[in-house]
Amino acid sequence: MHIAVIGAGIVGLCTAWELRQRGHTVTVYDPEPVSEASFAAAGMLAPVSEVVWDQPTLYPLMQQSKELYPEFAQRVAEASGMDIGYLTSETLVCAGDPADRVTLTELVELQEHIGQVAPISSRQARSMEPGLGPGVVGAVHIPGDHQIDPRKFCAALLHLLGPDVVREKVTSLELDADHVVVAAGLRSCEIAGVPQLPLRPVYGDVLRLEVPEYLQPLVTRTVRGVVRGRPVYVVPRADGSLVLGATSREDGPGVSAEGVHQLLRDAHHLIPGIWECSITEMTCRARPGSPDDVPMIGRISERATVSTGYFRHGILLSVIGAKLTTDVVLGVPVPEATAAAIDPFRFNKGA
């Protein structure tokens, strides 16, 4: 079967690769591959530190994708011969003041039911990461939350797909293919023939920092924090650089001065050495959010399937998203609970 994929972000590329691995021909359409949310993302593979109380259908998807990631990533790395930036570095979630420690305690109560977590003291946290400052009053160690570099990973996928990636804008489902997958993020509903889905843009400011040689490595694990109730993360790359993020706002595009100030201030509270770093890049991209933050994956017609609404979990969920989207396209049964959770039309039912 020949399948056209509209959208060359990480979800579209992983889906195209999965379809090809199952023996099908693919053509991917995108005028600017990997230029939207996938370009800005830090790439945390962190189902345990991402989970919250009111999203019971999201965590199983995150955990399944985390389990599938190592083998999927290894296949891409071996087939492409390229470094994809997959690191098994651990995660520390830190509290920035006594009030935030209460928030951390609440998170631990949830996390202990679903993942491997270990509450540790601020002294233990600083022994693991000497770059942490006196502002850290408590932490949780999550050894199973890892990371991937989305830019490197997507570059490898683009290399593998080669000339099957067509750098053209598509405005309709009328393509020369047996089936069409729409994985164009927020632009999915701009494609003629795609029903209007309840997508919303959630903008995120992300900074990339260069650490001076005398401070390297500033941190060796991903450091996630809650500072005065605000989330912040610092992700170390293999080359010693850092990714700092991310705001979550719905006010409009463009890097926010307030957002940048907030990120730097909160990161400095946890890791004072941030002040010594150089900002090498500031980006803002819109993440496609659904009303419940769970992706929308399913048939929208006999020959078209949509895969969008991944919100801030697009990197982590890309592998399970690729599998589920491919299953839907090929008519492979999807577990009933999963199918209900990701149904693109679930928000219309019962209305």
C-alpha atoms as a PDB file:
ATOM      1  CA  MET A   1       0.000   0.000   0.000  1.00  0.00           C
ATOM      2  CA  HIS A   2       1.139   3.566  -0.696  1.00  0.00           C
ATOM      3  CA  ILE A   3       0.504   5.961   2.192  1.00  0.00           C
ATOM      4  CA  ALA A   4       0.924   9.737   2.053  1.00  0.00           C
ATOM      5  CA  VAL A   5       1.871  11.435   5.327  1.00  0.00           C
ATOM      6  CA  ILE A   6       1.129  15.151   5.647  1.00  0.00           C
ATOM      7  CA  GLY A   7       3.528  16.664   8.177  1.00  0.00           C
ATOM      8  CA  ALA A   8       7.222  16.055   8.840  1.00  0.00           C
ATOM      9  CA  GLY A   9       7.467  16.754  12.519  1.00  0.00           C
ATOM     10  CA  ILE A  10       8.550  13.934  14.793  1.00  0.00           C
ATOM     11  CA  VAL A  11       5.101  12.279  14.755  1.00  0.00           C
ATOM     12  CA  GLY A  12       4.838  12.286  10.963  1.00  0.00           C
ATOM     13  CA  LEU A  13       8.402  11.065  10.497  1.00  0.00           C
ATOM     14  CA  CYS A  14       8.092   8.264  13.066  1.00  0.00           C
ATOM     15  CA  THR A  15       4.800   7.199  11.507  1.00  0.00           C
ATOM     16  CA  ALA A  16       6.306   7.161   8.012  1.00  0.00           C
ATOM     17  CA  TRP A  17       9.241   5.076   9.261  1.00  0.00           C
ATOM     18  CA  GLU A  18       6.910   2.647  11.059  1.00  0.00           C
ATOM     19  CA  LEU A  19       4.786   2.246   7.932  1.00  0.00           C
ATOM     20  CA  ARG A  20       7.871   1.578   5.850  1.00  0.00           C
ATOM     21  CA  GLN A  21       9.150  -0.945   8.395  1.00  0.00           C
ATOM     22  CA  ARG A  22       5.883  -2.830   7.983  1.00  0.00           C
ATOM     23  CA  GLY A  23       6.459  -3.088   4.252  1.00  0.00           C
ATOM     24  CA  HIS A  24       4.552  -0.147   2.828  1.00  0.00           C
ATOM     25  CA  THR A  25       5.550   2.710   0.533  1.00  0.00           C
ATOM     26  CA  VAL A  26       5.370   6.223   1.982  1.00  0.00           C
ATOM     27  CA  THR A  27       5.566   9.792   0.747  1.00  0.00           C
ATOM     28  CA  VAL A  28       5.866  12.582   3.324  1.00  0.00           C
ATOM     29  CA  TYR A  29       4.766  16.124   2.465  1.00  0.00           C
ATOM     30  CA  ASP A  30       6.002  19.190   4.351  1.00  0.00           C
ATOM     31  CA  PRO A  31       7.414  22.471   2.982  1.00  0.00           C
ATOM     32  CA  GLU A  32       9.662  22.870   6.054  1.00  0.00           C
ATOM     33  CA  PRO A  33      10.349  19.558   7.808  1.00  0.00           C
ATOM     34  CA  VAL A  34      11.049  19.654  11.550  1.00  0.00           C
ATOM     35  CA  SER A  35      10.468  23.394  11.839  1.00  0.00           C
ATOM     36  CA  GLU A  36       7.650  23.558  14.374  1.00  0.00           C
ATOM     37  CA  ALA A  37       7.283  22.099  17.895  1.00  0.00           C
ATOM     38  CA  SER A  38       9.735  19.244  17.256  1.00  0.00           C
ATOM     39  CA  PHE A  39      12.470  21.777  16.487  1.00  0.00           C
ATOM     40  CA  ALA A  40      12.121  23.556  19.828  1.00  0.00           C
ATOM     41  CA  ALA A  41      11.504  20.549  22.082  1.00  0.00           C
ATOM     42  CA  ALA A  42      13.971  19.443  24.745  1.00  0.00           C
ATOM     43  CA  GLY A  43      13.210  15.748  24.247  1.00  0.00           C
ATOM     44  CA  MET A  44      12.529  14.465  27.748  1.00  0.00           C
ATOM     45  CA  LEU A  45      11.308  10.859  27.830  1.00  0.00           C
ATOM     46  CA  ALA A  46       9.751  11.298  31.222  1.00  0.00           C
ATOM     47  CA  PRO A  47       6.422   9.569  31.857  1.00  0.00           C
ATOM     48  CA  VAL A  48       6.878   9.497  35.630  1.00  0.00           C
ATOM     49  CA  SER A  49       7.850  13.137  36.156  1.00  0.00           C
ATOM     50  CA  GLU A  50       5.227  14.330  33.630  1.00  0.00           C
ATOM     51  CA  VAL A  51       2.187  12.552  35.032  1.00  0.00           C
ATOM     52  CA  VAL A  52      -0.507  14.483  36.922  1.00  0.00           C
ATOM     53  CA  TRP A  53      -3.575  13.414  38.886  1.00  0.00           C
ATOM     54  CA  ASP A  54      -6.305  14.367  36.430  1.00  0.00           C
ATOM     55  CA  GLN A  55      -4.960  12.655  33.296  1.00  0.00           C
ATOM     56  CA  PRO A  56      -5.610   8.930  33.853  1.00  0.00           C
ATOM     57  CA  THR A  57      -5.737   8.077  30.135  1.00  0.00           C
ATOM     58  CA  LEU A  58      -2.472   9.864  29.324  1.00  0.00           C
ATOM     59  CA  TYR A  59       0.007   8.023  31.564  1.00  0.00           C
ATOM     60  CA  PRO A  60      -0.526   4.546  30.023  1.00  0.00           C
ATOM     61  CA  LEU A  61       0.295   5.989  26.600  1.00  0.00           C
ATOM     62  CA  MET A  62       3.393   7.729  27.951  1.00  0.00           C
ATOM     63  CA  GLN A  63       4.623   4.596  29.696  1.00  0.00           C
ATOM     64  CA  GLN A  64       4.003   2.374  26.660  1.00  0.00           C
ATOM     65  CA  SER A  65       5.893   4.800  24.440  1.00  0.00           C
ATOM     66  CA  LYS A  66       8.780   4.981  26.908  1.00  0.00           C
ATOM     67  CA  GLU A  67       9.039   1.177  26.820  1.00  0.00           C
ATOM     68  CA  LEU A  68       9.013   1.109  23.010  1.00  0.00           C
ATOM     69  CA  TYR A  69      11.529   3.939  22.601  1.00  0.00           C
ATOM     70  CA  PRO A  70      14.895   2.183  23.126  1.00  0.00           C
ATOM     71  CA  GLU A  71      14.307  -0.466  20.456  1.00  0.00           C
ATOM     72  CA  PHE A  72      12.733   1.999  18.011  1.00  0.00           C
ATOM     73  CA  ALA A  73      15.547   4.515  18.512  1.00  0.00           C
ATOM     74  CA  GLN A  74      18.209   1.823  18.165  1.00  0.00           C
ATOM     75  CA  ARG A  75      16.733   0.710  14.836  1.00  0.00           C
ATOM     76  CA  VAL A  76      16.797   4.286  13.555  1.00  0.00           C
ATOM     77  CA  ALA A  77      20.367   4.814  14.775  1.00  0.00           C
ATOM     78  CA  GLU A  78      21.630   1.575  13.226  1.00  0.00           C
ATOM     79  CA  ALA A  79      19.819   2.060   9.919  1.00  0.00           C
ATOM     80  CA  SER A  80      20.954   5.676   9.544  1.00  0.00           C
ATOM     81  CA  GLY A  81      24.422   5.333  11.056  1.00  0.00           C
ATOM     82  CA  MET A  82      23.769   8.642  12.824  1.00  0.00           C
ATOM     83  CA  ASP A  83      23.881   9.818  16.427  1.00  0.00           C
ATOM     84  CA  ILE A  84      20.288  10.349  17.563  1.00  0.00           C
ATOM     85  CA  GLY A  85      21.099  11.780  20.987  1.00  0.00           C
ATOM     86  CA  TYR A  86      19.439   9.047  23.060  1.00  0.00           C
ATOM     87  CA  LEU A  87      20.764   9.270  26.627  1.00  0.00           C
ATOM     88  CA  THR A  88      19.807   7.248  29.682  1.00  0.00           C
ATOM     89  CA  SER A  89      20.618  10.166  31.966  1.00  0.00           C
ATOM     90  CA  GLU A  90      18.341  10.238  34.989  1.00  0.00           C
ATOM     91  CA  THR A  91      15.979  12.910  36.287  1.00  0.00           C
ATOM     92  CA  LEU A  92      15.866  14.900  39.513  1.00  0.00           C
ATOM     93  CA  VAL A  93      12.693  16.795  40.350  1.00  0.00           C
ATOM     94  CA  CYS A  94      13.537  19.556  42.827  1.00  0.00           C
ATOM     95  CA  ALA A  95      11.534  21.850  45.096  1.00  0.00           C
ATOM     96  CA  GLY A  96      12.570  25.493  45.220  1.00  0.00           C
ATOM     97  CA  ASP A  97      11.071  26.507  48.589  1.00  0.00           C
ATOM     98  CA  PRO A  98       9.066  24.949  51.462  1.00  0.00           C
ATOM     99  CA  ALA A  99       5.743  25.559  49.695  1.00  0.00           C
ATOM    100  CA  ASP A 100       7.051  23.796  46.599  1.00  0.00           C
ATOM    101  CA  ARG A 101       8.137  20.886  48.784  1.00  0.00           C
ATOM    102  CA  VAL A 102       4.460  20.323  49.576  1.00  0.00           C
ATOM    103  CA  THR A 103       3.770  20.171  45.841  1.00  0.00           C
ATOM    104  CA  LEU A 104       6.637  17.704  45.476  1.00  0.00           C
ATOM    105  CA  THR A 105       5.183  15.528  48.239  1.00  0.00           C
ATOM    106  CA  GLU A 106       1.845  15.431  46.445  1.00  0.00           C
ATOM    107  CA  LEU A 107       3.576  14.408  43.228  1.00  0.00           C
ATOM    108  CA  VAL A 108       5.465  11.645  45.025  1.00  0.00           C
ATOM    109  CA  GLU A 109       2.200  10.211  46.350  1.00  0.00           C
ATOM    110  CA  LEU A 110       1.022   9.813  42.772  1.00  0.00           C
ATOM    111  CA  GLN A 111       4.347   8.791  41.271  1.00  0.00           C
ATOM    112  CA  GLU A 112       4.984   6.026  43.800  1.00  0.00           C
ATOM    113  CA  HIS A 113       1.921   4.216  42.458  1.00  0.00           C
ATOM    114  CA  ILE A 114       3.096   4.241  38.866  1.00  0.00           C
ATOM    115  CA  GLY A 115       6.848   4.521  38.592  1.00  0.00           C
ATOM    116  CA  GLN A 116      10.211   4.139  40.221  1.00  0.00           C
ATOM    117  CA  VAL A 117      10.771   7.226  42.350  1.00  0.00           C
ATOM    118  CA  ALA A 118      12.895   7.918  45.399  1.00  0.00           C
ATOM    119  CA  PRO A 119      12.379  10.998  47.599  1.00  0.00           C
ATOM    120  CA  ILE A 120      15.771  12.364  48.662  1.00  0.00           C
ATOM    121  CA  SER A 121      17.002  15.228  50.818  1.00  0.00           C
ATOM    122  CA  SER A 122      18.476  18.424  49.434  1.00  0.00           C
ATOM    123  CA  ARG A 123      21.888  17.274  50.684  1.00  0.00           C
ATOM    124  CA  GLN A 124      21.553  13.991  48.793  1.00  0.00           C
ATOM    125  CA  ALA A 125      20.455  15.881  45.684  1.00  0.00           C
ATOM    126  CA  ARG A 126      23.516  18.149  45.861  1.00  0.00           C
ATOM    127  CA  SER A 127      25.786  15.152  46.308  1.00  0.00           C
ATOM    128  CA  MET A 128      24.381  13.765  43.049  1.00  0.00           C
ATOM    129  CA  GLU A 129      24.461  17.147  41.292  1.00  0.00           C
ATOM    130  CA  PRO A 130      26.943  19.566  42.907  1.00  0.00           C
ATOM    131  CA  GLY A 131      25.688  22.308  40.588  1.00  0.00           C
ATOM    132  CA  LEU A 132      22.433  22.536  42.539  1.00  0.00           C
ATOM    133  CA  GLY A 133      22.214  25.596  44.761  1.00  0.00           C
ATOM    134  CA  PRO A 134      21.065  26.265  48.330  1.00  0.00           C
ATOM    135  CA  GLY A 135      17.596  27.098  47.032  1.00  0.00           C
ATOM    136  CA  VAL A 136      16.837  23.389  46.584  1.00  0.00           C
ATOM    137  CA  VAL A 137      14.966  22.182  49.679  1.00  0.00           C
ATOM    138  CA  GLY A 138      14.065  18.665  48.566  1.00  0.00           C
ATOM    139  CA  ALA A 139      14.036  16.400  45.539  1.00  0.00           C
ATOM    140  CA  VAL A 140      12.807  13.199  43.946  1.00  0.00           C
ATOM    141  CA  HIS A 141      15.153  10.897  42.032  1.00  0.00           C
ATOM    142  CA  ILE A 142      13.635   9.221  38.954  1.00  0.00           C
ATOM    143  CA  PRO A 143      16.266   6.970  37.329  1.00  0.00           C
ATOM    144  CA  GLY A 144      13.968   5.748  34.540  1.00  0.00           C
ATOM    145  CA  ASP A 145      13.154   9.120  32.954  1.00  0.00           C
ATOM    146  CA  HIS A 146      15.601   9.607  30.054  1.00  0.00           C
ATOM    147  CA  GLN A 147      16.027  11.936  27.042  1.00  0.00           C
ATOM    148  CA  ILE A 148      16.532  12.112  23.283  1.00  0.00           C
ATOM    149  CA  ASP A 149      17.698  15.007  21.103  1.00  0.00           C
ATOM    150  CA  PRO A 150      14.699  15.620  18.805  1.00  0.00           C
ATOM    151  CA  ARG A 151      16.757  17.487  16.221  1.00  0.00           C
ATOM    152  CA  LYS A 152      19.249  14.642  15.856  1.00  0.00           C
ATOM    153  CA  PHE A 153      16.522  12.000  15.939  1.00  0.00           C
ATOM    154  CA  CYS A 154      14.487  13.768  13.251  1.00  0.00           C
ATOM    155  CA  ALA A 155      17.606  14.348  11.146  1.00  0.00           C
ATOM    156  CA  ALA A 156      18.226  10.591  11.161  1.00  0.00           C
ATOM    157  CA  LEU A 157      14.622   9.888  10.163  1.00  0.00           C
ATOM    158  CA  LEU A 158      14.813  12.450   7.350  1.00  0.00           C
ATOM    159  CA  HIS A 159      18.013  10.786   6.156  1.00  0.00           C
ATOM    160  CA  LEU A 160      16.341   7.370   6.126  1.00  0.00           C
ATOM    161  CA  LEU A 161      13.251   8.600   4.298  1.00  0.00           C
ATOM    162  CA  GLY A 162      15.400  10.511   1.807  1.00  0.00           C
ATOM    163  CA  PRO A 163      13.616  11.451  -1.434  1.00  0.00           C
ATOM    164  CA  ASP A 164      10.313  10.191  -0.031  1.00  0.00           C
ATOM    165  CA  VAL A 165      10.112  13.501   1.855  1.00  0.00           C
ATOM    166  CA  VAL A 166       8.619  16.039  -0.558  1.00  0.00           C
ATOM    167  CA  ARG A 167       9.140  19.655   0.489  1.00  0.00           C
ATOM    168  CA  GLU A 168       5.803  20.917  -0.745  1.00  0.00           C
ATOM    169  CA  LYS A 169       2.728  22.342   0.958  1.00  0.00           C
ATOM    170  CA  VAL A 170      -0.378  20.182   0.784  1.00  0.00           C
ATOM    171  CA  THR A 171      -3.821  21.760   1.155  1.00  0.00           C
ATOM    172  CA  SER A 172      -6.102  18.801   0.443  1.00  0.00           C
ATOM    173  CA  LEU A 173      -6.487  15.102   1.128  1.00  0.00           C
ATOM    174  CA  GLU A 174      -6.685  14.533  -2.620  1.00  0.00           C
ATOM    175  CA  LEU A 175      -3.272  12.931  -3.050  1.00  0.00           C
ATOM    176  CA  ASP A 176      -2.091  10.083  -5.251  1.00  0.00           C
ATOM    177  CA  ALA A 177      -2.044   7.491  -2.475  1.00  0.00           C
ATOM    178  CA  ASP A 178      -4.095   4.608  -1.129  1.00  0.00           C
ATOM    179  CA  HIS A 179      -4.367   6.266   2.287  1.00  0.00           C
ATOM    180  CA  VAL A 180      -3.495   9.661   3.774  1.00  0.00           C
ATOM    181  CA  VAL A 181      -2.194  10.294   7.300  1.00  0.00           C
ATOM    182  CA  VAL A 182      -2.612  13.857   8.558  1.00  0.00           C
ATOM    183  CA  ALA A 183       0.098  14.546  11.149  1.00  0.00           C
ATOM    184  CA  ALA A 184       0.504  18.278  10.641  1.00  0.00           C
ATOM    185  CA  GLY A 185       0.054  19.443  14.221  1.00  0.00           C
ATOM    186  CA  LEU A 186      -1.974  22.635  14.472  1.00  0.00           C
ATOM    187  CA  ARG A 187      -2.159  22.859  10.693  1.00  0.00           C
ATOM    188  CA  SER A 188      -4.001  19.544  10.434  1.00  0.00           C
ATOM    189  CA  CYS A 189      -7.415  21.220  10.326  1.00  0.00           C
ATOM    190  CA  GLU A 190      -6.268  23.560   7.540  1.00  0.00           C
ATOM    191  CA  ILE A 191      -6.208  20.578   5.167  1.00  0.00           C
ATOM    192  CA  ALA A 192      -9.362  20.457   3.048  1.00  0.00           C
ATOM    193  CA  GLY A 193     -11.337  17.374   3.995  1.00  0.00           C
ATOM    194  CA  VAL A 194     -10.162  17.257   7.624  1.00  0.00           C
ATOM    195  CA  PRO A 195     -12.976  17.957  10.112  1.00  0.00           C
ATOM    196  CA  GLN A 196     -12.582  20.787  12.589  1.00  0.00           C
ATOM    197  CA  LEU A 197     -11.005  19.301  15.702  1.00  0.00           C
ATOM    198  CA  PRO A 198     -10.705  21.102  19.074  1.00  0.00           C
ATOM    199  CA  LEU A 199      -7.003  21.937  18.783  1.00  0.00           C
ATOM    200  CA  ARG A 200      -5.496  24.914  20.575  1.00  0.00           C
ATOM    201  CA  PRO A 201      -2.018  26.438  20.268  1.00  0.00           C
ATOM    202  CA  VAL A 202       0.018  26.377  23.488  1.00  0.00           C
ATOM    203  CA  TYR A 203       3.199  28.387  23.049  1.00  0.00           C
ATOM    204  CA  GLY A 204       6.431  27.487  24.793  1.00  0.00           C
ATOM    205  CA  ASP A 205       9.632  29.496  25.143  1.00  0.00           C
ATOM    206  CA  VAL A 206      12.806  27.391  25.138  1.00  0.00           C
ATOM    207  CA  LEU A 207      16.423  28.530  25.578  1.00  0.00           C
ATOM    208  CA  ARG A 208      19.633  26.793  24.588  1.00  0.00           C
ATOM    209  CA  LEU A 209      22.709  27.599  26.636  1.00  0.00           C
ATOM    210  CA  GLU A 210      26.435  27.063  26.288  1.00  0.00           C
ATOM    211  CA  VAL A 211      28.203  26.200  29.538  1.00  0.00           C
ATOM    212  CA  PRO A 212      31.698  27.670  30.001  1.00  0.00           C
ATOM    213  CA  GLU A 213      34.420  25.041  30.000  1.00  0.00           C
ATOM    214  CA  TYR A 214      35.395  25.676  33.611  1.00  0.00           C
ATOM    215  CA  LEU A 215      31.843  24.787  34.761  1.00  0.00           C
ATOM    216  CA  GLN A 216      31.337  21.654  32.681  1.00  0.00           C
ATOM    217  CA  PRO A 217      29.437  19.584  33.364  1.00  0.00           C
ATOM    218  CA  LEU A 218      27.076  21.963  35.130  1.00  0.00           C
ATOM    219  CA  VAL A 219      24.609  19.089  35.613  1.00  0.00           C
ATOM    220  CA  THR A 220      24.669  15.504  34.361  1.00  0.00           C
ATOM    221  CA  ARG A 221      20.998  14.641  34.894  1.00  0.00           C
ATOM    222  CA  THR A 222      17.838  16.360  33.756  1.00  0.00           C
ATOM    223  CA  VAL A 223      16.825  18.738  36.530  1.00  0.00           C
ATOM    224  CA  ARG A 224      13.140  19.525  36.719  1.00  0.00           C
ATOM    225  CA  GLY A 225      11.957  21.944  39.328  1.00  0.00           C
ATOM    226  CA  VAL A 226       8.993  23.659  40.881  1.00  0.00           C
ATOM    227  CA  VAL A 227       9.901  27.214  41.873  1.00  0.00           C
ATOM    228  CA  ARG A 228       7.137  29.279  43.483  1.00  0.00           C
ATOM    229  CA  GLY A 229       4.667  26.953  41.841  1.00  0.00           C
ATOM    230  CA  ARG A 230       6.157  27.328  38.362  1.00  0.00           C
ATOM    231  CA  PRO A 231       7.651  24.328  36.510  1.00  0.00           C
ATOM    232  CA  VAL A 232      11.097  24.609  34.928  1.00  0.00           C
ATOM    233  CA  TYR A 233      13.532  22.094  33.462  1.00  0.00           C
ATOM    234  CA  VAL A 234      17.215  21.999  32.535  1.00  0.00           C
ATOM    235  CA  VAL A 235      18.264  19.203  30.171  1.00  0.00           C
ATOM    236  CA  PRO A 236      22.008  18.521  29.670  1.00  0.00           C
ATOM    237  CA  ARG A 237      23.170  17.412  26.240  1.00  0.00           C
ATOM    238  CA  ALA A 238      26.115  15.108  25.565  1.00  0.00           C
ATOM    239  CA  ASP A 239      28.237  18.072  24.425  1.00  0.00           C
ATOM    240  CA  GLY A 240      27.741  19.850  27.756  1.00  0.00           C
ATOM    241  CA  SER A 241      25.210  22.380  26.481  1.00  0.00           C
ATOM    242  CA  LEU A 242      21.832  22.846  28.163  1.00  0.00           C
ATOM    243  CA  VAL A 243      18.213  23.143  27.070  1.00  0.00           C
ATOM    244  CA  LEU A 244      16.139  25.311  29.411  1.00  0.00           C
ATOM    245  CA  GLY A 245      12.361  25.455  29.266  1.00  0.00           C
ATOM    246  CA  ALA A 246       9.571  25.827  28.978  1.00  0.00           C
ATOM    247  CA  THR A 247       6.807  28.318  29.433  1.00  0.00           C
ATOM    248  CA  SER A 248       3.232  27.339  28.664  1.00  0.00           C
ATOM    249  CA  ARG A 249       1.070  30.195  27.423  1.00  0.00           C
ATOM    250  CA  GLU A 250      -1.747  30.800  24.982  1.00  0.00           C
ATOM    251  CA  ASP A 251      -1.222  34.511  24.288  1.00  0.00           C
ATOM    252  CA  GLY A 252       0.537  34.392  20.926  1.00  0.00           C
ATOM    253  CA  PRO A 253       3.713  33.541  19.000  1.00  0.00           C
ATOM    254  CA  GLY A 254       7.139  35.073  19.412  1.00  0.00           C
ATOM    255  CA  VAL A 255       9.658  34.649  22.215  1.00  0.00           C
ATOM    256  CA  SER A 256       8.285  36.308  25.349  1.00  0.00           C
ATOM    257  CA  ALA A 257      10.618  38.619  27.292  1.00  0.00           C
ATOM    258  CA  GLU A 258       8.669  37.817  30.450  1.00  0.00           C
ATOM    259  CA  GLY A 259       8.922  34.106  29.694  1.00  0.00           C
ATOM    260  CA  VAL A 260      12.689  34.256  29.161  1.00  0.00           C
ATOM    261  CA  HIS A 261      13.136  36.226  32.395  1.00  0.00           C
ATOM    262  CA  GLN A 262      10.990  33.743  34.297  1.00  0.00           C
ATOM    263  CA  LEU A 263      12.866  30.716  32.970  1.00  0.00           C
ATOM    264  CA  LEU A 264      16.308  32.144  33.735  1.00  0.00           C
ATOM    265  CA  ARG A 265      15.279  33.330  37.205  1.00  0.00           C
ATOM    266  CA  ASP A 266      13.733  29.998  38.181  1.00  0.00           C
ATOM    267  CA  ALA A 267      16.595  27.949  36.709  1.00  0.00           C
ATOM    268  CA  HIS A 268      19.122  30.139  38.548  1.00  0.00           C
ATOM    269  CA  HIS A 269      17.273  29.493  41.798  1.00  0.00           C
ATOM    270  CA  LEU A 270      17.932  25.771  41.340  1.00  0.00           C
ATOM    271  CA  ILE A 271      21.291  25.952  39.518  1.00  0.00           C
ATOM    272  CA  PRO A 272      23.176  29.209  40.250  1.00  0.00           C
ATOM    273  CA  GLY A 273      25.778  28.461  37.562  1.00  0.00           C
ATOM    274  CA  ILE A 274      23.118  29.254  34.947  1.00  0.00           C
ATOM    275  CA  TRP A 275      24.181  32.906  35.331  1.00  0.00           C
ATOM    276  CA  GLU A 276      27.607  32.014  33.883  1.00  0.00           C
ATOM    277  CA  CYS A 277      26.185  30.456  30.703  1.00  0.00           C
ATOM    278  CA  SER A 278      25.746  32.041  27.282  1.00  0.00           C
ATOM    279  CA  ILE A 279      22.383  32.018  25.521  1.00  0.00           C
ATOM    280  CA  THR A 280      22.938  30.550  22.064  1.00  0.00           C
ATOM    281  CA  GLU A 281      19.317  30.265  20.947  1.00  0.00           C
ATOM    282  CA  MET A 282      15.822  31.338  21.952  1.00  0.00           C
ATOM    283  CA  THR A 283      12.846  29.666  20.306  1.00  0.00           C
ATOM    284  CA  CYS A 284       9.098  29.671  20.648  1.00  0.00           C
ATOM    285  CA  ARG A 285       6.822  27.178  18.987  1.00  0.00           C
ATOM    286  CA  ALA A 286       3.140  26.321  19.322  1.00  0.00           C
ATOM    287  CA  ARG A 287       2.296  22.870  20.632  1.00  0.00           C
ATOM    288  CA  PRO A 288      -1.011  21.383  19.418  1.00  0.00           C
ATOM    289  CA  GLY A 289      -3.139  20.822  22.494  1.00  0.00           C
ATOM    290  CA  SER A 290      -6.378  18.875  22.811  1.00  0.00           C
ATOM    291  CA  PRO A 291      -8.966  19.577  25.545  1.00  0.00           C
ATOM    292  CA  ASP A 292      -7.655  16.687  27.671  1.00  0.00           C
ATOM    293  CA  ASP A 293      -4.008  16.820  26.449  1.00  0.00           C
ATOM    294  CA  VAL A 294      -4.336  13.309  24.959  1.00  0.00           C
ATOM    295  CA  PRO A 295      -3.583  12.877  21.230  1.00  0.00           C
ATOM    296  CA  MET A 296      -6.303  12.478  18.623  1.00  0.00           C
ATOM    297  CA  ILE A 297      -5.580   9.396  16.501  1.00  0.00           C
ATOM    298  CA  GLY A 298      -8.158   7.745  14.294  1.00  0.00           C
ATOM    299  CA  ARG A 299      -9.942   7.442  10.978  1.00  0.00           C
ATOM    300  CA  ILE A 300     -11.652  10.568   9.692  1.00  0.00           C
ATOM    301  CA  SER A 301     -12.765   8.909   6.453  1.00  0.00           C
ATOM    302  CA  GLU A 302     -12.347   5.635   4.609  1.00  0.00           C
ATOM    303  CA  ARG A 303      -8.949   6.660   3.234  1.00  0.00           C
ATOM    304  CA  ALA A 304      -7.702   9.205   5.773  1.00  0.00           C
ATOM    305  CA  THR A 305      -6.401   9.049   9.351  1.00  0.00           C
ATOM    306  CA  VAL A 306      -5.508  11.931  11.649  1.00  0.00           C
ATOM    307  CA  SER A 307      -2.718  11.931  14.257  1.00  0.00           C
ATOM    308  CA  THR A 308      -2.421  15.226  16.128  1.00  0.00           C
ATOM    309  CA  GLY A 309      -3.016  16.947  19.495  1.00  0.00           C
ATOM    310  CA  TYR A 310       0.119  15.657  21.224  1.00  0.00           C
ATOM    311  CA  PHE A 311       0.567  18.894  23.236  1.00  0.00           C
ATOM    312  CA  ARG A 312       3.869  18.990  25.154  1.00  0.00           C
ATOM    313  CA  HIS A 313       4.271  15.202  25.036  1.00  0.00           C
ATOM    314  CA  GLY A 314       4.910  14.896  21.314  1.00  0.00           C
ATOM    315  CA  ILE A 315       8.493  13.688  21.590  1.00  0.00           C
ATOM    316  CA  LEU A 316       7.721  11.050  24.206  1.00  0.00           C
ATOM    317  CA  LEU A 317       4.489   9.918  22.540  1.00  0.00           C
ATOM    318  CA  SER A 318       5.837   9.902  18.984  1.00  0.00           C
ATOM    319  CA  VAL A 319       6.729   6.203  19.058  1.00  0.00           C
ATOM    320  CA  ILE A 320       3.435   4.927  20.468  1.00  0.00           C
ATOM    321  CA  GLY A 321       1.689   7.460  18.229  1.00  0.00           C
ATOM    322  CA  ALA A 322       3.450   6.026  15.185  1.00  0.00           C
ATOM    323  CA  LYS A 323       2.466   2.491  16.185  1.00  0.00           C
ATOM    324  CA  LEU A 324      -1.179   3.348  16.867  1.00  0.00           C
ATOM    325  CA  THR A 325      -1.523   5.457  13.726  1.00  0.00           C
ATOM    326  CA  THR A 326      -0.037   2.664  11.636  1.00  0.00           C
ATOM    327  CA  ASP A 327      -2.364   0.140  13.272  1.00  0.00           C
ATOM    328  CA  VAL A 328      -5.368   2.333  12.442  1.00  0.00           C
ATOM    329  CA  VAL A 329      -4.249   2.746   8.825  1.00  0.00           C
ATOM    330  CA  LEU A 330      -3.693  -0.988   8.369  1.00  0.00           C
ATOM    331  CA  GLY A 331      -6.824  -2.067  10.212  1.00  0.00           C
ATOM    332  CA  VAL A 332      -4.947  -3.702  13.080  1.00  0.00           C
ATOM    333  CA  PRO A 333      -7.223  -3.829  16.158  1.00  0.00           C
ATOM    334  CA  VAL A 334      -6.414  -1.237  18.831  1.00  0.00           C
ATOM    335  CA  PRO A 335      -7.317  -2.071  22.467  1.00  0.00           C
ATOM    336  CA  GLU A 336     -10.787  -0.730  23.243  1.00  0.00           C
ATOM    337  CA  ALA A 337      -9.726   1.532  26.115  1.00  0.00           C
ATOM    338  CA  THR A 338      -6.886   2.997  24.066  1.00  0.00           C
ATOM    339  CA  ALA A 339      -9.120   3.543  21.042  1.00  0.00           C
ATOM    340  CA  ALA A 340     -11.628   5.405  23.210  1.00  0.00           C
ATOM    341  CA  ALA A 341      -8.915   7.548  24.800  1.00  0.00           C
ATOM    342  CA  ILE A 342      -7.463   8.700  21.461  1.00  0.00           C
ATOM    343  CA  ASP A 343     -10.691   8.883  19.424  1.00  0.00           C
ATOM    344  CA  PRO A 344     -10.573  12.203  17.507  1.00  0.00           C
ATOM    345  CA  PHE A 345     -14.346  12.571  17.931  1.00  0.00           C
ATOM    346  CA  ARG A 346     -14.511  11.730  21.654  1.00  0.00           C
ATOM    347  CA  PHE A 347     -15.313  15.333  22.580  1.00  0.00           C
ATOM    348  CA  ASN A 348     -18.496  15.271  20.476  1.00  0.00           C
ATOM    349  CA  LYS A 349     -19.939  12.147  22.047  1.00  0.00           C
ATOM    350  CA  GLY A 350     -22.797  12.666  24.434  1.00  0.00           C
ATOM    351  CA  ALA A 351     -23.223  16.270  23.325  1.00  0.00           C
END
